[in-house]
C-alpha atoms as a PDB file:
ATOM      1  CA  MET A   1     -40.300 -32.609   5.577  1.00  0.00           C
ATOM      2  CA  ASP A   2     -40.823 -28.232   6.019  1.00  0.00           C
ATOM      3  CA  LEU A   3     -37.781 -26.590   7.699  1.00  0.00           C
ATOM      4  CA  LYS A   4     -39.351 -26.336  10.872  1.00  0.00           C
ATOM      5  CA  SER A   5     -40.182 -29.366  11.351  1.00  0.00           C
ATOM      6  CA  PHE A   6     -36.853 -30.426  10.151  1.00  0.00           C
ATOM      7  CA  ILE A   7     -35.650 -28.108  13.054  1.00  0.00           C
ATOM      8  CA  LYS A   8     -37.731 -28.983  16.025  1.00  0.00           C
ATOM      9  CA  GLN A   9     -37.573 -32.621  15.027  1.00  0.00           C
ATOM     10  CA  ASN A  10     -33.284 -32.063  15.131  1.00  0.00           C
ATOM     11  CA  ARG A  11     -32.931 -29.294  17.777  1.00  0.00           C
ATOM     12  CA  ASP A  12     -32.242 -31.177  20.530  1.00  0.00           C
ATOM     13  CA  ASN A  13     -29.502 -33.453  19.179  1.00  0.00           C
ATOM     14  CA  TRP A  14     -27.764 -30.604  17.425  1.00  0.00           C
ATOM     15  CA  GLU A  15     -27.939 -28.764  21.093  1.00  0.00           C
ATOM     16  CA  LEU A  16     -26.759 -32.052  22.753  1.00  0.00           C
ATOM     17  CA  LEU A  17     -23.559 -32.187  20.143  1.00  0.00           C
ATOM     18  CA  GLU A  18     -22.992 -28.497  20.576  1.00  0.00           C
ATOM     19  CA  GLN A  19     -22.689 -29.025  24.825  1.00  0.00           C
ATOM     20  CA  THR A  20     -20.568 -32.646  24.150  1.00  0.00           C
ATOM     21  CA  LEU A  21     -17.757 -30.759  22.036  1.00  0.00           C
ATOM     22  CA  LYS A  22     -17.945 -28.254  25.472  1.00  0.00           C
ATOM     23  CA  ASN A  23     -17.330 -30.930  27.717  1.00  0.00           C
ATOM     24  CA  ILE A  24     -15.054 -32.835  24.826  1.00  0.00           C
ATOM     25  CA  THR A  25     -12.632 -29.705  24.216  1.00  0.00           C
ATOM     26  CA  LYS A  26     -12.672 -29.325  28.251  1.00  0.00           C
ATOM     27  CA  LYS A  27     -12.339 -33.189  29.163  1.00  0.00           C
ATOM     28  CA  LYS A  28     -14.977 -32.447  31.176  1.00  0.00           C
ATOM     29  CA  ASN A  29     -17.158 -35.839  32.462  1.00  0.00           C
ATOM     30  CA  LEU A  30     -15.357 -38.180  29.468  1.00  0.00           C
ATOM     31  CA  THR A  31     -16.235 -41.151  29.409  1.00  0.00           C
ATOM     32  CA  PRO A  32     -16.294 -44.451  26.776  1.00  0.00           C
ATOM     33  CA  GLU A  33     -20.043 -44.543  26.785  1.00  0.00           C
ATOM     34  CA  LYS A  34     -19.666 -40.101  26.055  1.00  0.00           C
ATOM     35  CA  ILE A  35     -17.362 -41.142  23.138  1.00  0.00           C
ATOM     36  CA  GLU A  36     -19.542 -43.290  21.380  1.00  0.00           C
ATOM     37  CA  GLN A  37     -22.528 -41.035  22.190  1.00  0.00           C
ATOM     38  CA  PHE A  38     -20.072 -38.233  20.660  1.00  0.00           C
ATOM     39  CA  GLN A  39     -19.340 -40.079  16.989  1.00  0.00           C
ATOM     40  CA  LEU A  40     -23.458 -41.285  16.946  1.00  0.00           C
ATOM     41  CA  LEU A  41     -24.284 -37.180  17.376  1.00  0.00           C
ATOM     42  CA  TYR A  42     -21.350 -36.613  14.976  1.00  0.00           C
ATOM     43  CA  GLN A  43     -22.882 -39.138  12.888  1.00  0.00           C
ATOM     44  CA  LYS A  44     -26.383 -38.423  12.746  1.00  0.00           C
ATOM     45  CA  THR A  45     -26.055 -34.950  12.542  1.00  0.00           C
ATOM     46  CA  ALA A  46     -23.744 -35.271   9.492  1.00  0.00           C
ATOM     47  CA  HIS A  47     -26.228 -36.764   7.373  1.00  0.00           C
ATOM     48  CA  GLN A  48     -29.528 -33.916   8.555  1.00  0.00           C
ATOM     49  CA  PHE A  49     -26.670 -32.042   7.378  1.00  0.00           C
ATOM     50  CA  SER A  50     -26.797 -33.606   4.372  1.00  0.00           C
ATOM     51  CA  TYR A  51     -30.349 -33.764   3.714  1.00  0.00           C
ATOM     52  CA  SER A  52     -30.263 -30.001   4.750  1.00  0.00           C
ATOM     53  CA  GLN A  53     -28.207 -28.913   1.830  1.00  0.00           C
ATOM     54  CA  THR A  54     -30.186 -30.673  -0.324  1.00  0.00           C
ATOM     55  CA  TYR A  55     -33.440 -29.368   0.220  1.00  0.00           C
ATOM     56  CA  PHE A  56     -32.828 -25.906   2.084  1.00  0.00           C
ATOM     57  CA  PRO A  57     -29.262 -24.833   0.422  1.00  0.00           C
ATOM     58  CA  GLU A  58     -30.257 -21.190   1.052  1.00  0.00           C
ATOM     59  CA  GLU A  59     -31.735 -21.144   4.538  1.00  0.00           C
ATOM     60  CA  GLU A  60     -29.739 -20.435   7.543  1.00  0.00           C
ATOM     61  CA  VAL A  61     -30.204 -23.812   8.949  1.00  0.00           C
ATOM     62  CA  THR A  62     -27.402 -25.461   6.438  1.00  0.00           C
ATOM     63  CA  LEU A  63     -25.193 -22.998   7.868  1.00  0.00           C
ATOM     64  CA  TYR A  64     -25.230 -23.320  11.043  1.00  0.00           C
ATOM     65  CA  LEU A  65     -25.352 -27.972   9.786  1.00  0.00           C
ATOM     66  CA  ASN A  66     -22.253 -27.120   8.238  1.00  0.00           C
ATOM     67  CA  GLU A  67     -20.297 -25.116  10.685  1.00  0.00           C
ATOM     68  CA  LEU A  68     -21.820 -27.875  13.435  1.00  0.00           C
ATOM     69  CA  VAL A  69     -20.145 -30.763  11.461  1.00  0.00           C
ATOM     70  CA  SER A  70     -16.732 -28.926  10.415  1.00  0.00           C
ATOM     71  CA  LYS A  71     -15.985 -28.669  14.531  1.00  0.00           C
ATOM     72  CA  ALA A  72     -17.332 -31.798  15.543  1.00  0.00           C
ATOM     73  CA  HIS A  73     -14.882 -33.796  12.502  1.00  0.00           C
ATOM     74  CA  ASN A  74     -11.839 -31.554  13.453  1.00  0.00           C
ATOM     75  CA  VAL A  75     -12.372 -33.042  17.280  1.00  0.00           C
ATOM     76  CA  LEU A  76     -12.919 -36.457  16.076  1.00  0.00           C
ATOM     77  CA  TYR A  77      -9.382 -36.028  14.107  1.00  0.00           C
ATOM     78  CA  ARG A  78      -7.224 -33.636  16.659  1.00  0.00           C
ATOM     79  CA  ASP A  79      -4.762 -36.011  17.988  1.00  0.00           C
ATOM     80  CA  GLN A  80      -3.953 -35.503  13.484  1.00  0.00           C
ATOM     81  CA  VAL A  81      -4.397 -31.803  13.451  1.00  0.00           C
ATOM     82  CA  THR A  82      -1.121 -29.425  14.673  1.00  0.00           C
ATOM     83  CA  SER A  83      -1.603 -26.074  15.773  1.00  0.00           C
ATOM     84  CA  PHE A  84       0.231 -25.081  12.345  1.00  0.00           C
ATOM     85  CA  TYR A  85      -2.307 -27.366  10.854  1.00  0.00           C
ATOM     86  CA  GLN A  86      -4.597 -25.661  11.854  1.00  0.00           C
ATOM     87  CA  ILE A  87      -4.004 -21.652  11.759  1.00  0.00           C
ATOM     88  CA  LYS A  88      -3.553 -22.843   7.560  1.00  0.00           C
ATOM     89  CA  HIS A  89      -6.977 -24.594   7.926  1.00  0.00           C
ATOM     90  CA  PHE A  90      -8.056 -21.412   9.202  1.00  0.00           C
ATOM     91  CA  PHE A  91      -6.963 -18.354   6.250  1.00  0.00           C
ATOM     92  CA  GLY A  92      -6.538 -21.535   3.631  1.00  0.00           C
ATOM     93  CA  LYS A  93     -10.153 -22.518   4.022  1.00  0.00           C
ATOM     94  CA  THR A  94     -12.428 -21.330   6.874  1.00  0.00           C
ATOM     95  CA  PHE A  95     -12.136 -17.928   6.723  1.00  0.00           C
ATOM     96  CA  ILE A  96     -12.640 -18.496   3.095  1.00  0.00           C
ATOM     97  CA  ARG A  97     -15.908 -20.113   3.338  1.00  0.00           C
ATOM     98  CA  LEU A  98     -17.060 -17.707   6.020  1.00  0.00           C
ATOM     99  CA  LEU A  99     -16.523 -14.964   3.404  1.00  0.00           C
ATOM    100  CA  LEU A 100     -18.694 -16.097   0.607  1.00  0.00           C
ATOM    101  CA  GLU A 101     -21.308 -17.453   2.880  1.00  0.00           C
ATOM    102  CA  GLN A 102     -21.472 -14.026   4.080  1.00  0.00           C
ATOM    103  CA  GLY A 103     -20.794 -11.724   1.052  1.00  0.00           C
ATOM    104  CA  ARG A 104     -23.794 -10.146   0.719  1.00  0.00           C
ATOM    105  CA  PHE A 105     -23.078  -8.320   4.076  1.00  0.00           C
ATOM    106  CA  VAL A 106     -19.462  -7.834   2.316  1.00  0.00           C
ATOM    107  CA  LEU A 107     -20.743  -6.390  -0.576  1.00  0.00           C
ATOM    108  CA  PHE A 108     -23.370  -4.060   1.498  1.00  0.00           C
ATOM    109  CA  ALA A 109     -21.152  -2.734   3.140  1.00  0.00           C
ATOM    110  CA  GLY A 110     -18.911  -1.700   0.611  1.00  0.00           C
ATOM    111  CA  ILE A 111     -22.090  -0.254  -0.952  1.00  0.00           C
ATOM    112  CA  LEU A 112     -22.549   1.921   2.276  1.00  0.00           C
ATOM    113  CA  PHE A 113     -19.277   2.909   2.322  1.00  0.00           C
ATOM    114  CA  LEU A 114     -19.712   3.882  -1.930  1.00  0.00           C
ATOM    115  CA  ILE A 115     -23.413   6.254  -0.796  1.00  0.00           C
ATOM    116  CA  GLY A 116     -20.973   7.595   1.538  1.00  0.00           C
ATOM    117  CA  ALA A 117     -18.197   8.803  -0.727  1.00  0.00           C
ATOM    118  CA  ILE A 118     -20.178   9.750  -3.926  1.00  0.00           C
ATOM    119  CA  GLY A 119     -22.514  11.862  -1.968  1.00  0.00           C
ATOM    120  CA  SER A 120     -19.916  13.393  -0.190  1.00  0.00           C
ATOM    121  CA  PHE A 121     -17.661  13.828  -3.569  1.00  0.00           C
ATOM    122  CA  ILE A 122     -21.089  15.626  -4.972  1.00  0.00           C
ATOM    123  CA  SER A 123     -21.196  18.185  -2.050  1.00  0.00           C
ATOM    124  CA  VAL A 124     -18.186  18.989  -2.165  1.00  0.00           C
ATOM    125  CA  MET A 125     -17.725  19.399  -6.412  1.00  0.00           C
ATOM    126  CA  ASN A 126     -20.990  21.472  -6.328  1.00  0.00           C
ATOM    127  CA  ASP A 127     -19.345  23.929  -3.259  1.00  0.00           C
ATOM    128  CA  PRO A 128     -15.965  23.380  -2.294  1.00  0.00           C
ATOM    129  CA  LEU A 129     -16.690  25.379   1.088  1.00  0.00           C
ATOM    130  CA  HIS A 130     -18.333  21.929   2.218  1.00  0.00           C
ATOM    131  CA  LEU A 131     -15.076  20.117   2.790  1.00  0.00           C
ATOM    132  CA  TYR A 132     -14.865  22.638   6.297  1.00  0.00           C
ATOM    133  CA  ALA A 133     -18.973  21.225   7.135  1.00  0.00           C
ATOM    134  CA  ILE A 134     -18.238  17.654   6.144  1.00  0.00           C
ATOM    135  CA  LEU A 135     -14.586  16.850   7.882  1.00  0.00           C
ATOM    136  CA  PRO A 136     -13.032  17.007  10.765  1.00  0.00           C
ATOM    137  CA  ASP A 137     -11.587  20.358  11.736  1.00  0.00           C
ATOM    138  CA  GLU A 138      -8.016  17.982  11.755  1.00  0.00           C
ATOM    139  CA  ILE A 139      -8.425  17.133   8.242  1.00  0.00           C
ATOM    140  CA  ALA A 140      -9.835  19.885   6.857  1.00  0.00           C
ATOM    141  CA  TYR A 141      -7.387  22.216   7.302  1.00  0.00           C
ATOM    142  CA  ALA A 142      -4.097  20.411   7.527  1.00  0.00           C
ATOM    143  CA  VAL A 143      -4.422  18.806   4.136  1.00  0.00           C
ATOM    144  CA  ASP A 144      -2.954  20.419   1.388  1.00  0.00           C
ATOM    145  CA  PRO A 145      -3.222  19.038  -2.161  1.00  0.00           C
ATOM    146  CA  GLN A 146      -0.054  20.704  -2.872  1.00  0.00           C
ATOM    147  CA  GLN A 147       2.174  18.865  -0.774  1.00  0.00           C
ATOM    148  CA  ILE A 148       1.243  14.848  -1.851  1.00  0.00           C
ATOM    149  CA  GLY A 149       4.581  13.133  -2.869  1.00  0.00           C
ATOM    150  CA  LYS A 150       6.928  15.010  -0.852  1.00  0.00           C
ATOM    151  CA  ILE A 151       8.350  13.394   1.452  1.00  0.00           C
ATOM    152  CA  ASP A 152       9.114  14.485   5.045  1.00  0.00           C
ATOM    153  CA  GLN A 153      12.755  12.639   5.865  1.00  0.00           C
ATOM    154  CA  SER A 154      11.923  12.641   9.646  1.00  0.00           C
ATOM    155  CA  ILE A 155       8.772  10.356   9.037  1.00  0.00           C
ATOM    156  CA  ASN A 156      10.039   6.710  11.111  1.00  0.00           C
ATOM    157  CA  SER A 157       8.083   4.673   8.736  1.00  0.00           C
ATOM    158  CA  SER A 158       8.556   1.493  11.397  1.00  0.00           C
ATOM    159  CA  ALA A 159       6.209   3.970  13.657  1.00  0.00           C
ATOM    160  CA  VAL A 160       3.825   5.177  11.170  1.00  0.00           C
ATOM    161  CA  SER A 161       2.968   1.849   9.684  1.00  0.00           C
ATOM    162  CA  ALA A 162       2.389  -0.038  13.294  1.00  0.00           C
ATOM    163  CA  MET A 163       0.605   3.122  14.195  1.00  0.00           C
ATOM    164  CA  ILE A 164      -2.288   2.948  11.081  1.00  0.00           C
ATOM    165  CA  MET A 165      -2.196  -0.578  11.806  1.00  0.00           C
ATOM    166  CA  THR A 166      -3.473  -0.299  15.430  1.00  0.00           C
ATOM    167  CA  ASN A 167      -5.765   2.367  13.669  1.00  0.00           C
ATOM    168  CA  ASN A 168      -7.252   0.435  10.687  1.00  0.00           C
ATOM    169  CA  ILE A 169      -7.776  -2.778  13.191  1.00  0.00           C
ATOM    170  CA  GLN A 170     -10.114  -0.548  16.233  1.00  0.00           C
ATOM    171  CA  VAL A 171     -12.557   1.358  12.945  1.00  0.00           C
ATOM    172  CA  ALA A 172     -12.671  -2.755  12.207  1.00  0.00           C
ATOM    173  CA  PHE A 173     -13.151  -3.938  15.656  1.00  0.00           C
ATOM    174  CA  LEU A 174     -16.220  -1.214  15.914  1.00  0.00           C
ATOM    175  CA  ALA A 175     -17.839  -1.928  12.780  1.00  0.00           C
ATOM    176  CA  PHE A 176     -17.786  -5.240  14.116  1.00  0.00           C
ATOM    177  CA  ALA A 177     -19.055  -4.709  17.678  1.00  0.00           C
ATOM    178  CA  GLY A 178     -20.948  -2.033  16.057  1.00  0.00           C
ATOM    179  CA  GLY A 179     -23.725  -5.601  15.232  1.00  0.00           C
ATOM    180  CA  ILE A 180     -24.779  -5.586  18.590  1.00  0.00           C
ATOM    181  CA  THR A 181     -26.471  -2.259  18.507  1.00  0.00           C
ATOM    182  CA  PHE A 182     -29.164  -3.992  15.487  1.00  0.00           C
ATOM    183  CA  GLY A 183     -25.969  -2.565  13.160  1.00  0.00           C
ATOM    184  CA  ILE A 184     -26.942   0.854  14.066  1.00  0.00           C
ATOM    185  CA  LEU A 185     -23.009   1.707  14.662  1.00  0.00           C
ATOM    186  CA  THR A 186     -21.469  -0.504  11.771  1.00  0.00           C
ATOM    187  CA  ILE A 187     -23.831   1.634   9.334  1.00  0.00           C
ATOM    188  CA  TYR A 188     -22.689   5.192  10.516  1.00  0.00           C
ATOM    189  CA  LEU A 189     -18.745   4.126  10.712  1.00  0.00           C
ATOM    190  CA  LEU A 190     -18.891   2.165   7.232  1.00  0.00           C
ATOM    191  CA  ILE A 191     -20.307   5.762   5.626  1.00  0.00           C
ATOM    192  CA  TYR A 192     -18.587   8.127   7.516  1.00  0.00           C
ATOM    193  CA  ASN A 193     -15.348   6.319   6.446  1.00  0.00           C
ATOM    194  CA  GLY A 194     -16.548   6.484   2.920  1.00  0.00           C
ATOM    195  CA  ILE A 195     -17.572  10.568   3.292  1.00  0.00           C
ATOM    196  CA  ILE A 196     -14.023  10.969   4.116  1.00  0.00           C
ATOM    197  CA  ILE A 197     -12.672   9.043   1.030  1.00  0.00           C
ATOM    198  CA  GLY A 198     -15.219  11.182  -0.899  1.00  0.00           C
ATOM    199  CA  ALA A 199     -14.560  14.491   0.243  1.00  0.00           C
ATOM    200  CA  LEU A 200     -10.677  14.330  -0.319  1.00  0.00           C
ATOM    201  CA  ALA A 201     -11.033  12.785  -3.387  1.00  0.00           C
ATOM    202  CA  ALA A 202     -12.870  16.170  -4.712  1.00  0.00           C
ATOM    203  CA  LEU A 203     -10.713  18.176  -3.119  1.00  0.00           C
ATOM    204  CA  PHE A 204      -7.428  16.879  -4.542  1.00  0.00           C
ATOM    205  CA  LEU A 205      -9.322  16.698  -8.252  1.00  0.00           C
ATOM    206  CA  GLN A 206     -10.260  20.457  -7.572  1.00  0.00           C
ATOM    207  CA  HIS A 207      -6.756  21.399  -7.699  1.00  0.00           C
ATOM    208  CA  GLY A 208      -5.238  18.954 -10.089  1.00  0.00           C
ATOM    209  CA  LYS A 209      -4.055  16.121  -8.372  1.00  0.00           C
ATOM    210  CA  PHE A 210      -7.072  13.374  -8.714  1.00  0.00           C
ATOM    211  CA  TYR A 211      -4.551  11.384 -10.627  1.00  0.00           C
ATOM    212  CA  ASP A 212      -1.574  11.758  -7.813  1.00  0.00           C
ATOM    213  CA  PHE A 213      -4.382  11.104  -4.964  1.00  0.00           C
ATOM    214  CA  TRP A 214      -5.230   7.768  -5.941  1.00  0.00           C
ATOM    215  CA  ALA A 215      -1.794   6.547  -6.569  1.00  0.00           C
ATOM    216  CA  TYR A 216      -0.976   7.241  -2.717  1.00  0.00           C
ATOM    217  CA  ILE A 217      -4.625   5.806  -1.738  1.00  0.00           C
ATOM    218  CA  VAL A 218      -4.865   2.741  -3.924  1.00  0.00           C
ATOM    219  CA  PRO A 219      -1.163   0.937  -2.899  1.00  0.00           C
ATOM    220  CA  HIS A 220      -2.308  -0.032   0.549  1.00  0.00           C
ATOM    221  CA  GLY A 221      -6.544   1.147   0.208  1.00  0.00           C
ATOM    222  CA  ILE A 222      -7.421  -1.596  -1.721  1.00  0.00           C
ATOM    223  CA  ILE A 223      -5.747  -4.479   0.951  1.00  0.00           C
ATOM    224  CA  GLU A 224      -6.837  -1.952   3.901  1.00  0.00           C
ATOM    225  CA  LEU A 225     -10.725  -1.345   2.301  1.00  0.00           C
ATOM    226  CA  THR A 226     -11.779  -5.280   1.735  1.00  0.00           C
ATOM    227  CA  ALA A 227     -10.795  -5.837   4.998  1.00  0.00           C
ATOM    228  CA  ILE A 228     -12.459  -2.652   6.785  1.00  0.00           C
ATOM    229  CA  PHE A 229     -15.916  -4.582   4.412  1.00  0.00           C
ATOM    230  CA  ILE A 230     -15.118  -8.055   6.073  1.00  0.00           C
ATOM    231  CA  ALA A 231     -15.438  -6.226   9.261  1.00  0.00           C
ATOM    232  CA  GLY A 232     -18.054  -3.904   8.671  1.00  0.00           C
ATOM    233  CA  GLY A 233     -19.863  -7.096   6.910  1.00  0.00           C
ATOM    234  CA  ALA A 234     -19.330  -8.546   9.916  1.00  0.00           C
ATOM    235  CA  GLY A 235     -21.359  -6.403  11.575  1.00  0.00           C
ATOM    236  CA  LEU A 236     -24.186  -6.266   9.584  1.00  0.00           C
ATOM    237  CA  LEU A 237     -24.673  -9.891  10.023  1.00  0.00           C
ATOM    238  CA  MET A 238     -24.635  -9.779  13.667  1.00  0.00           C
ATOM    239  CA  GLY A 239     -26.919  -7.206  13.093  1.00  0.00           C
ATOM    240  CA  TYR A 240     -29.462  -8.766  11.034  1.00  0.00           C
ATOM    241  CA  ARG A 241     -30.000 -12.245  12.290  1.00  0.00           C
ATOM    242  CA  ILE A 242     -30.587 -10.317  16.029  1.00  0.00           C
ATOM    243  CA  LEU A 243     -33.090  -8.032  14.401  1.00  0.00           C
ATOM    244  CA  VAL A 244     -34.307 -11.317  12.193  1.00  0.00           C
ATOM    245  CA  PRO A 245     -33.478 -14.190  14.338  1.00  0.00           C
ATOM    246  CA  GLY A 246     -36.049 -16.824  12.126  1.00  0.00           C
ATOM    247  CA  PRO A 247     -36.632 -19.555  13.835  1.00  0.00           C
ATOM    248  CA  TYR A 248     -34.127 -19.188  16.576  1.00  0.00           C
ATOM    249  CA  SER A 249     -34.056 -16.781  19.665  1.00  0.00           C
ATOM    250  CA  ARG A 250     -32.890 -13.573  19.325  1.00  0.00           C
ATOM    251  CA  VAL A 251     -30.050 -14.657  22.271  1.00  0.00           C
ATOM    252  CA  PHE A 252     -29.277 -17.912  20.643  1.00  0.00           C
ATOM    253  CA  GLN A 253     -28.581 -15.692  17.452  1.00  0.00           C
ATOM    254  CA  LEU A 254     -26.673 -13.548  19.233  1.00  0.00           C
ATOM    255  CA  LYS A 255     -24.206 -16.118  19.848  1.00  0.00           C
ATOM    256  CA  ARG A 256     -23.788 -18.420  17.061  1.00  0.00           C
ATOM    257  CA  GLN A 257     -23.778 -15.230  15.037  1.00  0.00           C
ATOM    258  CA  ALA A 258     -20.682 -13.570  17.678  1.00  0.00           C
ATOM    259  CA  MET A 259     -18.896 -16.908  16.827  1.00  0.00           C
ATOM    260  CA  ARG A 260     -18.953 -16.529  12.857  1.00  0.00           C
ATOM    261  CA  SER A 261     -18.373 -12.664  12.932  1.00  0.00           C
ATOM    262  CA  VAL A 262     -15.703 -12.887  15.377  1.00  0.00           C
ATOM    263  CA  GLN A 263     -13.679 -15.286  12.569  1.00  0.00           C
ATOM    264  CA  LEU A 264     -14.897 -13.153   9.675  1.00  0.00           C
ATOM    265  CA  LEU A 265     -12.753  -9.772  11.909  1.00  0.00           C
ATOM    266  CA  LEU A 266      -9.668 -12.060  12.916  1.00  0.00           C
ATOM    267  CA  GLY A 267      -9.366 -13.018   9.552  1.00  0.00           C
ATOM    268  CA  THR A 268      -8.467  -9.179   8.206  1.00  0.00           C
ATOM    269  CA  ILE A 269      -5.514  -9.138  11.376  1.00  0.00           C
ATOM    270  CA  PRO A 270      -3.350 -10.313   8.423  1.00  0.00           C
ATOM    271  CA  LEU A 271      -5.082  -7.815   5.883  1.00  0.00           C
ATOM    272  CA  PHE A 272      -4.303  -4.721   7.918  1.00  0.00           C
ATOM    273  CA  VAL A 273      -1.114  -5.993   8.929  1.00  0.00           C
ATOM    274  CA  ILE A 274      -0.204  -5.774   4.820  1.00  0.00           C
ATOM    275  CA  ALA A 275      -1.877  -3.044   4.576  1.00  0.00           C
ATOM    276  CA  GLY A 276       0.029  -0.805   7.419  1.00  0.00           C
ATOM    277  CA  ILE A 277       3.185  -2.393   6.125  1.00  0.00           C
ATOM    278  CA  ILE A 278       2.812  -1.386   2.495  1.00  0.00           C
ATOM    279  CA  GLU A 279       1.214   2.419   4.058  1.00  0.00           C
ATOM    280  CA  GLY A 280       4.472   2.887   5.751  1.00  0.00           C
ATOM    281  CA  TYR A 281       6.554   1.602   3.033  1.00  0.00           C
ATOM    282  CA  ILE A 282       5.080   1.594  -0.164  1.00  0.00           C
ATOM    283  CA  THR A 283       2.736   4.209  -0.154  1.00  0.00           C
ATOM    284  CA  PRO A 284       5.904   7.018   0.409  1.00  0.00           C
ATOM    285  CA  ALA A 285       8.266   5.757  -1.520  1.00  0.00           C
ATOM    286  CA  PRO A 286      10.055   8.281  -4.254  1.00  0.00           C
ATOM    287  CA  ILE A 287       8.700   5.949  -7.043  1.00  0.00           C
ATOM    288  CA  SER A 288       6.651   6.867  -9.954  1.00  0.00           C
ATOM    289  CA  LEU A 289       3.204   7.280  -9.601  1.00  0.00           C
ATOM    290  CA  GLU A 290       2.629   4.398 -12.330  1.00  0.00           C
ATOM    291  CA  ALA A 291       4.458   2.337 -10.048  1.00  0.00           C
ATOM    292  CA  LYS A 292       2.271   2.789  -7.282  1.00  0.00           C
ATOM    293  CA  TYR A 293      -0.981   1.853  -9.542  1.00  0.00           C
ATOM    294  CA  ALA A 294       1.150  -1.247 -10.896  1.00  0.00           C
ATOM    295  CA  PHE A 295       1.757  -2.423  -7.220  1.00  0.00           C
ATOM    296  CA  SER A 296      -2.254  -1.831  -6.349  1.00  0.00           C
ATOM    297  CA  LEU A 297      -2.738  -3.819  -9.652  1.00  0.00           C
ATOM    298  CA  LEU A 298      -1.091  -6.405  -7.718  1.00  0.00           C
ATOM    299  CA  THR A 299      -2.401  -6.608  -4.759  1.00  0.00           C
ATOM    300  CA  VAL A 300      -5.935  -6.945  -6.710  1.00  0.00           C
ATOM    301  CA  ILE A 301      -4.680 -10.078  -8.236  1.00  0.00           C
ATOM    302  CA  ALA A 302      -3.458 -11.567  -5.000  1.00  0.00           C
ATOM    303  CA  LEU A 303      -7.026 -11.218  -3.038  1.00  0.00           C
ATOM    304  CA  PHE A 304      -8.579 -12.193  -6.105  1.00  0.00           C
ATOM    305  CA  LEU A 305      -6.242 -15.617  -6.010  1.00  0.00           C
ATOM    306  CA  TYR A 306      -6.498 -15.856  -2.403  1.00  0.00           C
ATOM    307  CA  THR A 307     -10.469 -16.131  -2.526  1.00  0.00           C
ATOM    308  CA  TRP A 308      -9.805 -18.488  -5.462  1.00  0.00           C
ATOM    309  CA  ARG A 309      -7.428 -21.270  -4.125  1.00  0.00           C
ATOM    310  CA  GLY A 310      -9.453 -20.935  -0.938  1.00  0.00           C
ATOM    311  CA  LYS A 311     -12.809 -21.740  -2.355  1.00  0.00           C
ATOM    312  CA  LYS A 312     -11.092 -24.333  -4.760  1.00  0.00           C
ATOM    313  CA  ASN A 313      -9.420 -25.486  -1.414  1.00  0.00           C
ATOM    314  CA  GLU A 314     -13.007 -26.059   0.384  1.00  0.00           C
ATOM    315  CA  GLN A 315     -14.779 -27.124  -2.637  1.00  0.00           C
ATOM    316  CA  SER A 316     -12.214 -29.905  -3.025  1.00  0.00           C
ATOM    317  CA  GLY A 317     -11.905 -30.646   1.165  1.00  0.00           C
END
C-alpha cells in the first residue's frame, strides 16, 4: 500500500480517535460504549502506527500517529499519572522527542543566525563605520569595549535577571509566532539577532577585547541561543508545513503543527529561566575569564547529558 492510499484509508479513524480523545478529556457524552470504542480505536491506530513506522519511517504521517497514539495511551492510563509525573514525562521524554524529530529545523534556525553573525562580522571588520549602520543607535553608541568587566555595584542582579528572562522569552515567542507568516518573520528575527552578535564581536576584536567579549557571552549564551534556536525551529516548522502541507490541508497542518510547536516553545521556558539567572548572577561575577569559560563548558555538557538521557528514556519507554 502506498502512502496516499494508507492515509486515505485510515484518516477517518484517526479523526474519530482525535474527537473521542477530546470528548473523554472534557468528560462529554461518555458512555460504556464510547469507552469501548475508544479502546478499539486506540488499538487499531497503534497497529497502524507500527505499520507506518515500518513502511513510512521518514514520513510526516508516522510522527502524527506517534503523537496520537501517545495521547490516547496517556488518557487510557491517566489514573496512574500525577501532575508531577506529567511534567517529568514532558521534559524527560516528550520535549526531547519533539526536539530530535524537528532537529533539522532547529539546526536551520542556527544556520540562519550564523549567516547574520558572519555577514555583519565581516562587514564591520572591513569598515568599522558599518557598525553604526548595522546596529540600532541605542546599542552602537552605548557599547564601550574598554568598560567590559567593570562591575556596577548599583545594578540589581535579580531585576536584571528577570528583565533578561522576559526579553528572551518575548523573542522566542515572536520567533515561534512568526511561523504564521510562512516563517518569514522567524527568518528575519534569527538573522537579525545574529547580525547584532556578529557586529559586536567584530567591534571587540578591533579593540583587543575579543577574548573578554566571549567570556561574558558564552556562560549564558549557550543555553540562551539553544532555546532561541529551538523556538525559531518551531516557527520554521510551522511555516514550512503551512507552505508545503503535503497530503493534508493547510488548515489541518496549521492546527497540528501549532500544537507541536507550542510544546517545543514551552520546553524552552526553563532554559530561558536558567540563562537569565546565569546572565544576572554568573556572567557579571568577579571571577576570572577562564572560570567563565569553564562554566560555559559545564553548560554544554549539561545540555548534552539532558538530551542524551531524554533520548535514552524515550527509546526505553
